[in-house]
PDB file of N, CA and C in Angstrom:
ATOM      1  N   MET A   1     -33.668  97.383-185.960  1.00  0.00           N
ATOM      2  CA  MET A   1     -33.266  98.149-184.794  1.00  0.00           C
ATOM      3  C   MET A   1     -32.524  99.403-185.257  1.00  0.00           C
ATOM      4  N   PRO A   2     -32.878 100.575-184.707  1.00  0.00           N
ATOM      5  CA  PRO A   2     -32.198 101.806-185.095  1.00  0.00           C
ATOM      6  C   PRO A   2     -30.720 101.799-184.708  1.00  0.00           C
ATOM      7  N   ALA A   3     -29.912 102.364-185.573  1.00  0.00           N
ATOM      8  CA  ALA A   3     -28.484 102.519-185.303  1.00  0.00           C
ATOM      9  C   ALA A   3     -28.136 103.998-185.416  1.00  0.00           C
ATOM     10  N   ILE A   4     -27.180 104.445-184.635  1.00  0.00           N
ATOM     11  CA  ILE A   4     -26.739 105.835-184.720  1.00  0.00           C
ATOM     12  C   ILE A   4     -26.029 106.030-186.050  1.00  0.00           C
ATOM     13  N   GLN A   5     -26.497 107.006-186.833  1.00  0.00           N
ATOM     14  CA  GLN A   5     -25.860 107.324-188.104  1.00  0.00           C
ATOM     15  C   GLN A   5     -24.861 108.457-187.953  1.00  0.00           C
ATOM     16  N   SER A   6     -25.197 109.413-187.113  1.00  0.00           N
ATOM     17  CA  SER A   6     -24.246 110.496-186.873  1.00  0.00           C
ATOM     18  C   SER A   6     -24.455 111.072-185.480  1.00  0.00           C
ATOM     19  N   LEU A   7     -23.363 111.552-184.927  1.00  0.00           N
ATOM     20  CA  LEU A   7     -23.366 112.185-183.613  1.00  0.00           C
ATOM     21  C   LEU A   7     -22.400 113.356-183.675  1.00  0.00           C
ATOM     22  N   GLU A   8     -22.917 114.556-183.464  1.00  0.00           N
ATOM     23  CA  GLU A   8     -22.099 115.764-183.452  1.00  0.00           C
ATOM     24  C   GLU A   8     -22.250 116.433-182.103  1.00  0.00           C
ATOM     25  N   VAL A   9     -21.153 116.801-181.505  1.00  0.00           N
ATOM     26  CA  VAL A   9     -21.182 117.528-180.237  1.00  0.00           C
ATOM     27  C   VAL A   9     -20.320 118.771-180.411  1.00  0.00           C
ATOM     28  N   MET A  10     -20.937 119.923-180.150  1.00  0.00           N
ATOM     29  CA  MET A  10     -20.220 121.189-180.249  1.00  0.00           C
ATOM     30  C   MET A  10     -20.189 121.826-178.871  1.00  0.00           C
ATOM     31  N   CYS A  11     -18.979 122.051-178.377  1.00  0.00           N
ATOM     32  CA  CYS A  11     -18.812 122.596-177.030  1.00  0.00           C
ATOM     33  C   CYS A  11     -18.769 124.116-177.065  1.00  0.00           C
ATOM     34  N   GLY A  12     -19.591 124.722-176.219  1.00  0.00           N
ATOM     35  CA  GLY A  12     -19.587 126.165-176.041  1.00  0.00           C
ATOM     36  C   GLY A  12     -19.019 126.514-174.678  1.00  0.00           C
ATOM     37  N   LYS A  13     -19.089 127.785-174.332  1.00  0.00           N
ATOM     38  CA  LYS A  13     -18.530 128.254-173.065  1.00  0.00           C
ATOM     39  C   LYS A  13     -19.278 127.684-171.863  1.00  0.00           C
ATOM     40  N   ASP A  14     -20.613 127.601-171.941  1.00  0.00           N
ATOM     41  CA  ASP A  14     -21.402 127.157-170.796  1.00  0.00           C
ATOM     42  C   ASP A  14     -22.357 126.004-171.105  1.00  0.00           C
ATOM     43  N   HIS A  15     -22.206 125.425-172.283  1.00  0.00           N
ATOM     44  CA  HIS A  15     -23.084 124.315-172.682  1.00  0.00           C
ATOM     45  C   HIS A  15     -22.458 123.539-173.840  1.00  0.00           C
ATOM     46  N   MET A  16     -23.059 122.411-174.159  1.00  0.00           N
ATOM     47  CA  MET A  16     -22.707 121.704-175.386  1.00  0.00           C
ATOM     48  C   MET A  16     -23.991 121.424-176.156  1.00  0.00           C
ATOM     49  N   ASP A  17     -23.922 121.535-177.477  1.00  0.00           N
ATOM     50  CA  ASP A  17     -25.040 121.218-178.355  1.00  0.00           C
ATOM     51  C   ASP A  17     -24.796 119.847-178.958  1.00  0.00           C
ATOM     52  N   VAL A  18     -25.813 119.005-178.908  1.00  0.00           N
ATOM     53  CA  VAL A  18     -25.709 117.635-179.399  1.00  0.00           C
ATOM     54  C   VAL A  18     -26.706 117.440-180.536  1.00  0.00           C
ATOM     55  N   HIS A  19     -26.231 116.871-181.647  1.00  0.00           N
ATOM     56  CA  HIS A  19     -27.076 116.531-182.790  1.00  0.00           C
ATOM     57  C   HIS A  19     -26.881 115.037-183.041  1.00  0.00           C
ATOM     58  N   LEU A  20     -27.977 114.308-183.029  1.00  0.00           N
ATOM     59  CA  LEU A  20     -27.937 112.849-183.071  1.00  0.00           C
ATOM     60  C   LEU A  20     -28.938 112.352-184.098  1.00  0.00           C
ATOM     61  N   SER A  21     -28.506 111.498-185.027  1.00  0.00           N
ATOM     62  CA  SER A  21     -29.450 110.937-185.995  1.00  0.00           C
ATOM     63  C   SER A  21     -29.353 109.419-186.021  1.00  0.00           C
ATOM     64  N   PHE A  22     -30.502 108.797-186.241  1.00  0.00           N
ATOM     65  CA  PHE A  22     -30.640 107.344-186.260  1.00  0.00           C
ATOM     66  C   PHE A  22     -31.069 106.873-187.643  1.00  0.00           C
ATOM     67  N   SER A  23     -30.794 105.615-187.939  1.00  0.00           N
ATOM     68  CA  SER A  23     -31.126 105.016-189.232  1.00  0.00           C
ATOM     69  C   SER A  23     -32.622 104.769-189.395  1.00  0.00           C
ATOM     70  N   GLN A  24     -33.337 104.620-188.291  1.00  0.00           N
ATOM     71  CA  GLN A  24     -34.781 104.365-188.280  1.00  0.00           C
ATOM     72  C   GLN A  24     -35.379 105.136-187.107  1.00  0.00           C
ATOM     73  N   PRO A  25     -36.708 105.268-187.064  1.00  0.00           N
ATOM     74  CA  PRO A  25     -37.310 105.944-185.915  1.00  0.00           C
ATOM     75  C   PRO A  25     -36.859 105.318-184.596  1.00  0.00           C
ATOM     76  N   PHE A  26     -36.459 106.190-183.674  1.00  0.00           N
ATOM     77  CA  PHE A  26     -35.923 105.760-182.381  1.00  0.00           C
ATOM     78  C   PHE A  26     -37.005 105.894-181.321  1.00  0.00           C
ATOM     79  N   GLU A  27     -37.282 104.825-180.613  1.00  0.00           N
ATOM     80  CA  GLU A  27     -38.325 104.803-179.584  1.00  0.00           C
ATOM     81  C   GLU A  27     -37.737 104.748-178.174  1.00  0.00           C
ATOM     82  N   GLY A  28     -36.417 104.748-178.070  1.00  0.00           N
ATOM     83  CA  GLY A  28     -35.757 104.610-176.774  1.00  0.00           C
ATOM     84  C   GLY A  28     -35.579 105.934-176.053  1.00  0.00           C
ATOM     85  N   ILE A  29     -34.666 105.939-175.110  1.00  0.00           N
ATOM     86  CA  ILE A  29     -34.397 107.107-174.275  1.00  0.00           C
ATOM     87  C   ILE A  29     -32.917 107.475-174.394  1.00  0.00           C
ATOM     88  N   VAL A  30     -32.635 108.774-174.373  1.00  0.00           N
ATOM     89  CA  VAL A  30     -31.257 109.257-174.325  1.00  0.00           C
ATOM     90  C   VAL A  30     -31.137 110.065-173.040  1.00  0.00           C
ATOM     91  N   SER A  31     -30.225 109.631-172.182  1.00  0.00           N
ATOM     92  CA  SER A  31     -30.044 110.301-170.892  1.00  0.00           C
ATOM     93  C   SER A  31     -28.580 110.244-170.493  1.00  0.00           C
ATOM     94  N   SER A  32     -28.255 111.007-169.475  1.00  0.00           N
ATOM     95  CA  SER A  32     -26.924 110.888-168.883  1.00  0.00           C
ATOM     96  C   SER A  32     -26.807 109.487-168.295  1.00  0.00           C
ATOM     97  N   LYS A  33     -25.635 108.895-168.413  1.00  0.00           N
ATOM     98  CA  LYS A  33     -25.430 107.517-167.964  1.00  0.00           C
ATOM     99  C   LYS A  33     -25.858 107.331-166.508  1.00  0.00           C
ATOM    100  N   GLY A  34     -26.743 106.357-166.307  1.00  0.00           N
ATOM    101  CA  GLY A  34     -27.211 106.019-164.975  1.00  0.00           C
ATOM    102  C   GLY A  34     -28.217 106.995-164.381  1.00  0.00           C
ATOM    103  N   GLN A  35     -28.670 107.966-165.161  1.00  0.00           N
ATOM    104  CA  GLN A  35     -29.551 109.014-164.632  1.00  0.00           C
ATOM    105  C   GLN A  35     -30.918 109.063-165.322  1.00  0.00           C
ATOM    106  N   HIS A  36     -31.362 107.959-165.894  1.00  0.00           N
ATOM    107  CA  HIS A  36     -32.623 107.963-166.651  1.00  0.00           C
ATOM    108  C   HIS A  36     -33.853 108.247-165.795  1.00  0.00           C
ATOM    109  N   ALA A  37     -33.770 108.106-164.483  1.00  0.00           N
ATOM    110  CA  ALA A  37     -34.909 108.384-163.596  1.00  0.00           C
ATOM    111  C   ALA A  37     -35.009 109.869-163.231  1.00  0.00           C
ATOM    112  N   ASP A  38     -33.976 110.632-163.513  1.00  0.00           N
ATOM    113  CA  ASP A  38     -33.968 112.065-163.201  1.00  0.00           C
ATOM    114  C   ASP A  38     -34.372 112.840-164.454  1.00  0.00           C
ATOM    115  N   PRO A  39     -35.550 113.462-164.464  1.00  0.00           N
ATOM    116  CA  PRO A  39     -36.020 114.168-165.666  1.00  0.00           C
ATOM    117  C   PRO A  39     -35.058 115.246-166.161  1.00  0.00           C
ATOM    118  N   ARG A  40     -34.245 115.810-165.268  1.00  0.00           N
ATOM    119  CA  ARG A  40     -33.273 116.827-165.686  1.00  0.00           C
ATOM    120  C   ARG A  40     -32.164 116.239-166.547  1.00  0.00           C
ATOM    121  N   CYS A  41     -31.995 114.916-166.495  1.00  0.00           N
ATOM    122  CA  CYS A  41     -30.910 114.246-167.215  1.00  0.00           C
ATOM    123  C   CYS A  41     -31.404 113.439-168.412  1.00  0.00           C
ATOM    124  N   VAL A  42     -32.679 113.561-168.751  1.00  0.00           N
ATOM    125  CA  VAL A  42     -33.245 112.876-169.922  1.00  0.00           C
ATOM    126  C   VAL A  42     -33.321 113.891-171.054  1.00  0.00           C
ATOM    127  N   TYR A  43     -32.625 113.609-172.163  1.00  0.00           N
ATOM    128  CA  TYR A  43     -32.545 114.538-173.282  1.00  0.00           C
ATOM    129  C   TYR A  43     -33.480 114.144-174.411  1.00  0.00           C
ATOM    130  N   VAL A  44     -33.787 112.855-174.521  1.00  0.00           N
ATOM    131  CA  VAL A  44     -34.780 112.351-175.474  1.00  0.00           C
ATOM    132  C   VAL A  44     -35.670 111.394-174.694  1.00  0.00           C
ATOM    133  N   PRO A  45     -36.946 111.751-174.512  1.00  0.00           N
ATOM    134  CA  PRO A  45     -37.844 110.855-173.775  1.00  0.00           C
ATOM    135  C   PRO A  45     -38.203 109.630-174.614  1.00  0.00           C
ATOM    136  N   PRO A  46     -38.692 108.570-173.986  1.00  0.00           N
ATOM    137  CA  PRO A  46     -39.047 107.359-174.736  1.00  0.00           C
ATOM    138  C   PRO A  46     -40.237 107.586-175.666  1.00  0.00           C
ATOM    139  N   SER A  47     -40.311 106.751-176.697  1.00  0.00           N
ATOM    140  CA  SER A  47     -41.455 106.691-177.627  1.00  0.00           C
ATOM    141  C   SER A  47     -41.657 107.947-178.463  1.00  0.00           C
ATOM    142  N   THR A  48     -40.579 108.599-178.888  1.00  0.00           N
ATOM    143  CA  THR A  48     -40.732 109.781-179.740  1.00  0.00           C
ATOM    144  C   THR A  48     -40.896 109.404-181.206  1.00  0.00           C
ATOM    145  N   GLY A  49     -40.249 108.321-181.635  1.00  0.00           N
ATOM    146  CA  GLY A  49     -40.383 107.855-183.011  1.00  0.00           C
ATOM    147  C   GLY A  49     -39.725 108.747-184.048  1.00  0.00           C
ATOM    148  N   GLN A  50     -38.756 109.551-183.659  1.00  0.00           N
ATOM    149  CA  GLN A  50     -38.063 110.427-184.595  1.00  0.00           C
ATOM    150  C   GLN A  50     -36.718 109.825-184.993  1.00  0.00           C
ATOM    151  N   THR A  51     -36.132 110.377-186.051  1.00  0.00           N
ATOM    152  CA  THR A  51     -34.812 109.915-186.478  1.00  0.00           C
ATOM    153  C   THR A  51     -33.718 110.940-186.186  1.00  0.00           C
ATOM    154  N   PHE A  52     -34.095 112.184-185.876  1.00  0.00           N
ATOM    155  CA  PHE A  52     -33.105 113.232-185.608  1.00  0.00           C
ATOM    156  C   PHE A  52     -33.460 113.954-184.315  1.00  0.00           C
ATOM    157  N   PHE A  53     -32.441 114.199-183.500  1.00  0.00           N
ATOM    158  CA  PHE A  53     -32.626 114.896-182.230  1.00  0.00           C
ATOM    159  C   PHE A  53     -31.526 115.933-182.081  1.00  0.00           C
ATOM    160  N   SER A  54     -31.886 117.043-181.506  1.00  0.00           N
ATOM    161  CA  SER A  54     -30.938 118.107-181.228  1.00  0.00           C
ATOM    162  C   SER A  54     -31.265 118.639-179.838  1.00  0.00           C
ATOM    163  N   PHE A  55     -30.266 118.700-178.972  1.00  0.00           N
ATOM    164  CA  PHE A  55     -30.516 119.188-177.622  1.00  0.00           C
ATOM    165  C   PHE A  55     -29.261 119.844-177.059  1.00  0.00           C
ATOM    166  N   ARG A  56     -29.473 120.646-176.021  1.00  0.00           N
ATOM    167  CA  ARG A  56     -28.390 121.390-175.378  1.00  0.00           C
ATOM    168  C   ARG A  56     -28.223 120.879-173.954  1.00  0.00           C
ATOM    169  N   ILE A  57     -26.977 120.704-173.548  1.00  0.00           N
ATOM    170  CA  ILE A  57     -26.661 120.288-172.187  1.00  0.00           C
ATOM    171  C   ILE A  57     -25.836 121.403-171.541  1.00  0.00           C
ATOM    172  N   ALA A  58     -26.398 121.988-170.485  1.00  0.00           N
ATOM    173  CA  ALA A  58     -25.696 123.056-169.760  1.00  0.00           C
ATOM    174  C   ALA A  58     -24.637 122.444-168.851  1.00  0.00           C
ATOM    175  N   TYR A  59     -23.541 123.152-168.690  1.00  0.00           N
ATOM    176  CA  TYR A  59     -22.477 122.682-167.802  1.00  0.00           C
ATOM    177  C   TYR A  59     -22.814 122.916-166.335  1.00  0.00           C
ATOM    178  N   ALA A  60     -23.789 123.730-166.040  1.00  0.00           N
ATOM    179  CA  ALA A  60     -24.317 124.040-164.690  1.00  0.00           C
ATOM    180  C   ALA A  60     -23.738 125.230-164.080  1.00  0.00           C
TER     181      ALA A  60
END
Protein backbone atom coordinates (compact mmCIF):
# COMPACT_ATOMS: atom_id res chain seq x y z
CA MET A 1 0.00 0.00 0.00
CA PRO A 2 1.40 3.44 -0.92
CA ALA A 3 2.44 5.70 1.94
CA ILE A 4 3.04 9.45 1.80
CA GLN A 5 6.79 10.05 1.71
CA SER A 6 6.70 13.81 1.56
CA LEU A 7 4.19 16.62 1.58
CA GLU A 8 5.16 20.23 0.89
CA VAL A 9 2.72 23.11 0.90
CA MET A 10 3.82 26.59 -0.10
CA CYS A 11 1.37 29.41 0.51
CA GLY A 12 1.19 32.30 -1.92
CA LYS A 13 -0.93 35.45 -1.96
CA ASP A 14 -3.88 33.89 -3.82
CA HIS A 15 -3.10 30.17 -3.91
CA MET A 16 -1.12 27.35 -2.36
CA ASP A 17 1.16 24.94 -4.23
CA VAL A 18 1.13 21.34 -3.05
CA HIS A 19 3.83 18.74 -3.78
CA LEU A 20 3.02 15.20 -2.69
CA SER A 21 5.05 12.01 -3.14
CA PHE A 22 4.18 8.40 -2.38
CA SER A 23 6.33 5.32 -1.72
CA GLN A 24 4.61 3.37 -4.53
CA PRO A 25 2.30 4.22 -7.43
CA PHE A 26 -0.86 5.80 -6.03
CA GLU A 27 -4.19 4.75 -7.55
CA GLY A 28 -6.45 6.65 -5.14
CA ILE A 29 -7.95 10.13 -5.14
CA VAL A 30 -6.80 13.36 -3.50
CA SER A 31 -9.58 15.85 -2.87
CA SER A 32 -10.78 18.42 -0.40
CA LYS A 33 -12.24 16.61 2.61
CA GLY A 34 -15.78 15.45 1.91
CA GLN A 35 -15.77 16.94 -1.61
CA HIS A 36 -14.67 14.01 -3.80
CA ALA A 37 -17.88 14.23 -5.89
CA ASP A 38 -17.16 17.84 -6.91
CA PRO A 39 -14.65 17.87 -9.81
CA ARG A 40 -13.47 21.35 -8.77
CA CYS A 41 -12.24 19.85 -5.48
CA VAL A 42 -10.43 16.78 -6.90
CA TYR A 43 -6.69 17.46 -7.23
CA VAL A 44 -5.56 13.92 -8.13
CA PRO A 45 -8.10 11.77 -9.98
CA PRO A 46 -8.28 8.02 -9.30
CA SER A 47 -6.13 5.45 -11.14
CA THR A 48 -3.22 7.69 -12.13
CA GLY A 49 -0.53 5.26 -10.96
CA GLN A 50 2.04 7.99 -10.29
CA THR A 51 4.29 8.50 -7.28
CA PHE A 52 4.60 12.32 -7.43
CA PHE A 53 1.89 14.96 -7.75
CA SER A 54 2.05 18.72 -7.87
CA PHE A 55 -1.03 20.92 -7.93
CA ARG A 56 -2.23 24.43 -7.12
CA ILE A 57 -5.23 25.31 -4.98
CA ALA A 58 -6.67 28.80 -5.45
CA TYR A 59 -8.04 30.60 -2.42
CA ALA A 60 -10.99 31.82 -4.60
